[in-house]
Amino acid sequence: MPVCFAPNGREFEIRKVGADENIKKHLRELGITEGGKIILVSSNGGNVIVIVKEGRLCLDKNLAAKILVA
């Protein structure tokens, strides 16, 4: 499921990042990699705040919809 539809406060494994290579590269630099862990802190209208490797990131709804978690 896309991270923007995941329940708050839970840790998930990132299964797939469905974006173009430039965006994937940028997300890898931020710590969002396939097989990595992500915690959803809050979701508001599709925009999300997540914790990745002890740092918080805010992602817009378009980008959050491309990050699939399980």
PDB file of N, CA and C in Angstrom:
ATOM      1  N   MET A   1       0.845  -1.173   0.000  1.00  0.00           N
ATOM      2  CA  MET A   1       0.000   0.000   0.000  1.00  0.00           C
ATOM      3  C   MET A   1       0.891   1.237   0.000  1.00  0.00           C
ATOM      4  N   PRO A   2       0.434   2.324  -0.576  1.00  0.00           N
ATOM      5  CA  PRO A   2       1.203   3.569  -0.531  1.00  0.00           C
ATOM      6  C   PRO A   2       1.311   4.076   0.903  1.00  0.00           C
ATOM      7  N   VAL A   3       2.427   4.683   1.233  1.00  0.00           N
ATOM      8  CA  VAL A   3       2.655   5.142   2.601  1.00  0.00           C
ATOM      9  C   VAL A   3       1.605   6.173   3.028  1.00  0.00           C
ATOM     10  N   CYS A   4       1.025   6.908   2.089  1.00  0.00           N
ATOM     11  CA  CYS A   4       0.018   7.901   2.458  1.00  0.00           C
ATOM     12  C   CYS A   4      -1.286   7.270   2.952  1.00  0.00           C
ATOM     13  N   PHE A   5      -1.497   5.975   2.703  1.00  0.00           N
ATOM     14  CA  PHE A   5      -2.699   5.276   3.170  1.00  0.00           C
ATOM     15  C   PHE A   5      -2.420   4.368   4.357  1.00  0.00           C
ATOM     16  N   ALA A   6      -1.190   4.312   4.818  1.00  0.00           N
ATOM     17  CA  ALA A   6      -0.807   3.451   5.936  1.00  0.00           C
ATOM     18  C   ALA A   6      -1.278   4.059   7.257  1.00  0.00           C
ATOM     19  N   PRO A   7      -1.482   3.208   8.269  1.00  0.00           N
ATOM     20  CA  PRO A   7      -1.880   3.739   9.581  1.00  0.00           C
ATOM     21  C   PRO A   7      -0.722   4.453  10.284  1.00  0.00           C
ATOM     22  N   ASN A   8      -1.049   5.499  11.015  1.00  0.00           N
ATOM     23  CA  ASN A   8      -0.047   6.283  11.728  1.00  0.00           C
ATOM     24  C   ASN A   8       0.591   5.493  12.870  1.00  0.00           C
ATOM     25  N   GLY A   9       1.845   5.821  13.154  1.00  0.00           N
ATOM     26  CA  GLY A   9       2.524   5.280  14.323  1.00  0.00           C
ATOM     27  C   GLY A   9       3.100   3.894  14.174  1.00  0.00           C
ATOM     28  N   ARG A  10       3.083   3.343  13.004  1.00  0.00           N
ATOM     29  CA  ARG A  10       3.610   1.997  12.790  1.00  0.00           C
ATOM     30  C   ARG A  10       4.841   2.025  11.917  1.00  0.00           C
ATOM     31  N   GLU A  11       5.697   1.028  12.116  1.00  0.00           N
ATOM     32  CA  GLU A  11       6.893   0.893  11.281  1.00  0.00           C
ATOM     33  C   GLU A  11       6.565  -0.029  10.110  1.00  0.00           C
ATOM     34  N   PHE A  12       7.050   0.340   8.940  1.00  0.00           N
ATOM     35  CA  PHE A  12       6.813  -0.434   7.723  1.00  0.00           C
ATOM     36  C   PHE A  12       8.124  -0.661   6.994  1.00  0.00           C
ATOM     37  N   GLU A  13       8.114  -1.688   6.169  1.00  0.00           N
ATOM     38  CA  GLU A  13       9.243  -1.930   5.276  1.00  0.00           C
ATOM     39  C   GLU A  13       8.903  -1.334   3.919  1.00  0.00           C
ATOM     40  N   ILE A  14       9.853  -0.617   3.337  1.00  0.00           N
ATOM     41  CA  ILE A  14       9.646  -0.026   2.018  1.00  0.00           C
ATOM     42  C   ILE A  14       9.817  -1.137   0.987  1.00  0.00           C
ATOM     43  N   ARG A  15       8.776  -1.415   0.226  1.00  0.00           N
ATOM     44  CA  ARG A  15       8.808  -2.486  -0.775  1.00  0.00           C
ATOM     45  C   ARG A  15       9.231  -1.981  -2.148  1.00  0.00           C
ATOM     46  N   LYS A  16       8.744  -0.790  -2.528  1.00  0.00           N
ATOM     47  CA  LYS A  16       9.046  -0.288  -3.868  1.00  0.00           C
ATOM     48  C   LYS A  16       8.916   1.230  -3.882  1.00  0.00           C
ATOM     49  N   VAL A  17       9.792   1.857  -4.650  1.00  0.00           N
ATOM     50  CA  VAL A  17       9.699   3.297  -4.894  1.00  0.00           C
ATOM     51  C   VAL A  17       9.446   3.459  -6.382  1.00  0.00           C
ATOM     52  N   GLY A  18       8.241   3.853  -6.730  1.00  0.00           N
ATOM     53  CA  GLY A  18       7.834   3.947  -8.135  1.00  0.00           C
ATOM     54  C   GLY A  18       7.967   5.347  -8.682  1.00  0.00           C
ATOM     55  N   ALA A  19       9.191   5.812  -8.810  1.00  0.00           N
ATOM     56  CA  ALA A  19       9.433   7.165  -9.318  1.00  0.00           C
ATOM     57  C   ALA A  19      10.522   7.094 -10.383  1.00  0.00           C
ATOM     58  N   ASP A  20      10.755   8.214 -11.059  1.00  0.00           N
ATOM     59  CA  ASP A  20      11.824   8.208 -12.052  1.00  0.00           C
ATOM     60  C   ASP A  20      13.190   8.187 -11.356  1.00  0.00           C
ATOM     61  N   GLU A  21      14.232   7.942 -12.094  1.00  0.00           N
ATOM     62  CA  GLU A  21      15.561   7.719 -11.513  1.00  0.00           C
ATOM     63  C   GLU A  21      16.096   8.912 -10.734  1.00  0.00           C
ATOM     64  N   ASN A  22      15.826  10.128 -11.186  1.00  0.00           N
ATOM     65  CA  ASN A  22      16.301  11.303 -10.452  1.00  0.00           C
ATOM     66  C   ASN A  22      15.669  11.384  -9.064  1.00  0.00           C
ATOM     67  N   ILE A  23      14.378  11.126  -8.988  1.00  0.00           N
ATOM     68  CA  ILE A  23      13.684  11.165  -7.702  1.00  0.00           C
ATOM     69  C   ILE A  23      14.135  10.005  -6.826  1.00  0.00           C
ATOM     70  N   LYS A  24      14.288   8.806  -7.410  1.00  0.00           N
ATOM     71  CA  LYS A  24      14.772   7.656  -6.636  1.00  0.00           C
ATOM     72  C   LYS A  24      16.143   7.939  -6.036  1.00  0.00           C
ATOM     73  N   LYS A  25      17.020   8.564  -6.822  1.00  0.00           N
ATOM     74  CA  LYS A  25      18.358   8.896  -6.335  1.00  0.00           C
ATOM     75  C   LYS A  25      18.273   9.856  -5.156  1.00  0.00           C
ATOM     76  N   HIS A  26      17.444  10.868  -5.265  1.00  0.00           N
ATOM     77  CA  HIS A  26      17.272  11.832  -4.183  1.00  0.00           C
ATOM     78  C   HIS A  26      16.708  11.153  -2.930  1.00  0.00           C
ATOM     79  N   LEU A  27      15.725  10.286  -3.107  1.00  0.00           N
ATOM     80  CA  LEU A  27      15.141   9.590  -1.965  1.00  0.00           C
ATOM     81  C   LEU A  27      16.154   8.647  -1.313  1.00  0.00           C
ATOM     82  N   ARG A  28      16.997   7.988  -2.125  1.00  0.00           N
ATOM     83  CA  ARG A  28      18.051   7.127  -1.553  1.00  0.00           C
ATOM     84  C   ARG A  28      18.995   7.953  -0.695  1.00  0.00           C
ATOM     85  N   GLU A  29      19.322   9.149  -1.142  1.00  0.00           N
ATOM     86  CA  GLU A  29      20.199  10.032  -0.373  1.00  0.00           C
ATOM     87  C   GLU A  29      19.558  10.438   0.955  1.00  0.00           C
ATOM     88  N   LEU A  30      18.225  10.466   1.000  1.00  0.00           N
ATOM     89  CA  LEU A  30      17.508  10.782   2.228  1.00  0.00           C
ATOM     90  C   LEU A  30      17.284   9.556   3.109  1.00  0.00           C
ATOM     91  N   GLY A  31      17.630   8.370   2.609  1.00  0.00           N
ATOM     92  CA  GLY A  31      17.478   7.144   3.385  1.00  0.00           C
ATOM     93  C   GLY A  31      16.270   6.310   3.029  1.00  0.00           C
ATOM     94  N   ILE A  32      15.508   6.725   2.030  1.00  0.00           N
ATOM     95  CA  ILE A  32      14.330   5.965   1.607  1.00  0.00           C
ATOM     96  C   ILE A  32      14.765   5.007   0.505  1.00  0.00           C
ATOM     97  N   THR A  33      15.002   3.749   0.910  1.00  0.00           N
ATOM     98  CA  THR A  33      15.461   2.723  -0.024  1.00  0.00           C
ATOM     99  C   THR A  33      14.578   1.489   0.100  1.00  0.00           C
ATOM    100  N   GLU A  34      14.478   0.734  -0.964  1.00  0.00           N
ATOM    101  CA  GLU A  34      13.708  -0.507  -0.925  1.00  0.00           C
ATOM    102  C   GLU A  34      14.352  -1.447   0.086  1.00  0.00           C
ATOM    103  N   GLY A  35      13.516  -2.009   0.953  1.00  0.00           N
ATOM    104  CA  GLY A  35      14.004  -2.882   2.013  1.00  0.00           C
ATOM    105  C   GLY A  35      14.281  -2.137   3.307  1.00  0.00           C
ATOM    106  N   GLY A  36      14.286  -0.811   3.262  1.00  0.00           N
ATOM    107  CA  GLY A  36      14.524  -0.001   4.452  1.00  0.00           C
ATOM    108  C   GLY A  36      13.270   0.121   5.297  1.00  0.00           C
ATOM    109  N   LYS A  37      13.429   0.683   6.481  1.00  0.00           N
ATOM    110  CA  LYS A  37      12.310   0.868   7.409  1.00  0.00           C
ATOM    111  C   LYS A  37      11.874   2.328   7.400  1.00  0.00           C
ATOM    112  N   ILE A  38      10.572   2.533   7.598  1.00  0.00           N
ATOM    113  CA  ILE A  38       9.989   3.868   7.637  1.00  0.00           C
ATOM    114  C   ILE A  38       8.858   3.849   8.665  1.00  0.00           C
ATOM    115  N   ILE A  39       8.738   4.908   9.441  1.00  0.00           N
ATOM    116  CA  ILE A  39       7.656   5.035  10.416  1.00  0.00           C
ATOM    117  C   ILE A  39       6.795   6.219  10.005  1.00  0.00           C
ATOM    118  N   LEU A  40       5.502   5.988   9.878  1.00  0.00           N
ATOM    119  CA  LEU A  40       4.572   7.060   9.532  1.00  0.00           C
ATOM    120  C   LEU A  40       4.157   7.773  10.807  1.00  0.00           C
ATOM    121  N   VAL A  41       4.489   9.049  10.906  1.00  0.00           N
ATOM    122  CA  VAL A  41       4.150   9.848  12.086  1.00  0.00           C
ATOM    123  C   VAL A  41       2.746  10.421  11.942  1.00  0.00           C
ATOM    124  N   SER A  42       2.475  11.055  10.799  1.00  0.00           N
ATOM    125  CA  SER A  42       1.139  11.609  10.576  1.00  0.00           C
ATOM    126  C   SER A  42       0.864  11.736   9.090  1.00  0.00           C
ATOM    127  N   SER A  43      -0.423  11.770   8.790  1.00  0.00           N
ATOM    128  CA  SER A  43      -0.881  11.916   7.418  1.00  0.00           C
ATOM    129  C   SER A  43      -2.021  12.919   7.414  1.00  0.00           C
ATOM    130  N   ASN A  44      -1.947  13.894   6.516  1.00  0.00           N
ATOM    131  CA  ASN A  44      -2.969  14.931   6.453  1.00  0.00           C
ATOM    132  C   ASN A  44      -3.257  15.241   4.986  1.00  0.00           C
ATOM    133  N   GLY A  45      -4.370  14.753   4.497  1.00  0.00           N
ATOM    134  CA  GLY A  45      -4.752  15.015   3.113  1.00  0.00           C
ATOM    135  C   GLY A  45      -3.823  14.388   2.093  1.00  0.00           C
ATOM    136  N   GLY A  46      -3.118  13.325   2.486  1.00  0.00           N
ATOM    137  CA  GLY A  46      -2.177  12.656   1.591  1.00  0.00           C
ATOM    138  C   GLY A  46      -0.741  13.066   1.829  1.00  0.00           C
ATOM    139  N   ASN A  47      -0.504  14.258   2.380  1.00  0.00           N
ATOM    140  CA  ASN A  47       0.842  14.667   2.753  1.00  0.00           C
ATOM    141  C   ASN A  47       1.225  13.928   4.031  1.00  0.00           C
ATOM    142  N   VAL A  48       2.476  13.512   4.145  1.00  0.00           N
ATOM    143  CA  VAL A  48       2.871  12.696   5.285  1.00  0.00           C
ATOM    144  C   VAL A  48       4.142  13.222   5.937  1.00  0.00           C
ATOM    145  N   ILE A  49       4.282  12.890   7.205  1.00  0.00           N
ATOM    146  CA  ILE A  49       5.532  13.085   7.927  1.00  0.00           C
ATOM    147  C   ILE A  49       5.994  11.694   8.338  1.00  0.00           C
ATOM    148  N   VAL A  50       7.229  11.354   7.984  1.00  0.00           N
ATOM    149  CA  VAL A  50       7.768  10.029   8.273  1.00  0.00           C
ATOM    150  C   VAL A  50       9.104  10.159   8.996  1.00  0.00           C
ATOM    151  N   ILE A  51       9.454   9.091   9.704  1.00  0.00           N
ATOM    152  CA  ILE A  51      10.772   8.998  10.321  1.00  0.00           C
ATOM    153  C   ILE A  51      11.568   7.964   9.531  1.00  0.00           C
ATOM    154  N   VAL A  52      12.738   8.392   9.077  1.00  0.00           N
ATOM    155  CA  VAL A  52      13.640   7.519   8.342  1.00  0.00           C
ATOM    156  C   VAL A  52      15.027   7.695   8.955  1.00  0.00           C
ATOM    157  N   LYS A  53      15.583   6.617   9.486  1.00  0.00           N
ATOM    158  CA  LYS A  53      16.934   6.659  10.061  1.00  0.00           C
ATOM    159  C   LYS A  53      17.114   7.824  11.029  1.00  0.00           C
ATOM    160  N   GLU A  54      16.230   7.937  11.993  1.00  0.00           N
ATOM    161  CA  GLU A  54      16.291   8.934  13.067  1.00  0.00           C
ATOM    162  C   GLU A  54      16.044  10.372  12.609  1.00  0.00           C
ATOM    163  N   GLY A  55      15.626  10.575  11.375  1.00  0.00           N
ATOM    164  CA  GLY A  55      15.302  11.912  10.880  1.00  0.00           C
ATOM    165  C   GLY A  55      13.863  11.967  10.402  1.00  0.00           C
ATOM    166  N   ARG A  56      13.253  13.126  10.506  1.00  0.00           N
ATOM    167  CA  ARG A  56      11.876  13.314  10.039  1.00  0.00           C
ATOM    168  C   ARG A  56      11.881  13.972   8.669  1.00  0.00           C
ATOM    169  N   LEU A  57      10.988  13.488   7.824  1.00  0.00           N
ATOM    170  CA  LEU A  57      10.822  14.046   6.478  1.00  0.00           C
ATOM    171  C   LEU A  57       9.356  14.330   6.243  1.00  0.00           C
ATOM    172  N   CYS A  58       9.081  15.397   5.536  1.00  0.00           N
ATOM    173  CA  CYS A  58       7.733  15.711   5.095  1.00  0.00           C
ATOM    174  C   CYS A  58       7.675  15.450   3.595  1.00  0.00           C
ATOM    175  N   LEU A  59       6.722  14.642   3.182  1.00  0.00           N
ATOM    176  CA  LEU A  59       6.577  14.290   1.770  1.00  0.00           C
ATOM    177  C   LEU A  59       5.202  14.726   1.283  1.00  0.00           C
ATOM    178  N   ASP A  60       5.147  15.305   0.089  1.00  0.00           N
ATOM    179  CA  ASP A  60       3.841  15.674  -0.457  1.00  0.00           C
ATOM    180  C   ASP A  60       3.093  14.434  -0.916  1.00  0.00           C
ATOM    181  N   LYS A  61       1.800  14.606  -1.164  1.00  0.00           N
ATOM    182  CA  LYS A  61       0.953  13.448  -1.467  1.00  0.00           C
ATOM    183  C   LYS A  61       1.352  12.741  -2.751  1.00  0.00           C
ATOM    184  N   ASN A  62       1.857  13.463  -3.747  1.00  0.00           N
ATOM    185  CA  ASN A  62       2.260  12.822  -4.996  1.00  0.00           C
ATOM    186  C   ASN A  62       3.453  11.901  -4.792  1.00  0.00           C
ATOM    187  N   LEU A  63       4.426  12.349  -4.024  1.00  0.00           N
ATOM    188  CA  LEU A  63       5.601  11.541  -3.754  1.00  0.00           C
ATOM    189  C   LEU A  63       5.272  10.404  -2.792  1.00  0.00           C
ATOM    190  N   ALA A  64       4.460  10.679  -1.770  1.00  0.00           N
ATOM    191  CA  ALA A  64       4.085   9.647  -0.799  1.00  0.00           C
ATOM    192  C   ALA A  64       3.315   8.510  -1.467  1.00  0.00           C
ATOM    193  N   ALA A  65       2.560   8.806  -2.494  1.00  0.00           N
ATOM    194  CA  ALA A  65       1.799   7.770  -3.200  1.00  0.00           C
ATOM    195  C   ALA A  65       2.691   6.830  -3.987  1.00  0.00           C
ATOM    196  N   LYS A  66       3.925   7.242  -4.273  1.00  0.00           N
ATOM    197  CA  LYS A  66       4.860   6.412  -5.043  1.00  0.00           C
ATOM    198  C   LYS A  66       5.716   5.498  -4.174  1.00  0.00           C
ATOM    199  N   ILE A  67       5.631   5.653  -2.849  1.00  0.00           N
ATOM    200  CA  ILE A  67       6.401   4.831  -1.928  1.00  0.00           C
ATOM    201  C   ILE A  67       5.476   3.755  -1.375  1.00  0.00           C
ATOM    202  N   LEU A  68       5.715   2.515  -1.795  1.00  0.00           N
ATOM    203  CA  LEU A  68       4.875   1.399  -1.377  1.00  0.00           C
ATOM    204  C   LEU A  68       5.497   0.684  -0.185  1.00  0.00           C
ATOM    205  N   VAL A  69       4.675   0.422   0.841  1.00  0.00           N
ATOM    206  CA  VAL A  69       5.158  -0.206   2.066  1.00  0.00           C
ATOM    207  C   VAL A  69       4.309  -1.433   2.401  1.00  0.00           C
ATOM    208  N   ALA A  70       4.866  -2.262   3.278  1.00  0.00           N
ATOM    209  CA  ALA A  70       4.118  -3.428   3.775  1.00  0.00           C
ATOM    210  C   ALA A  70       4.447  -3.632   5.231  1.00  0.00           C
TER     211      ALA A  70
END
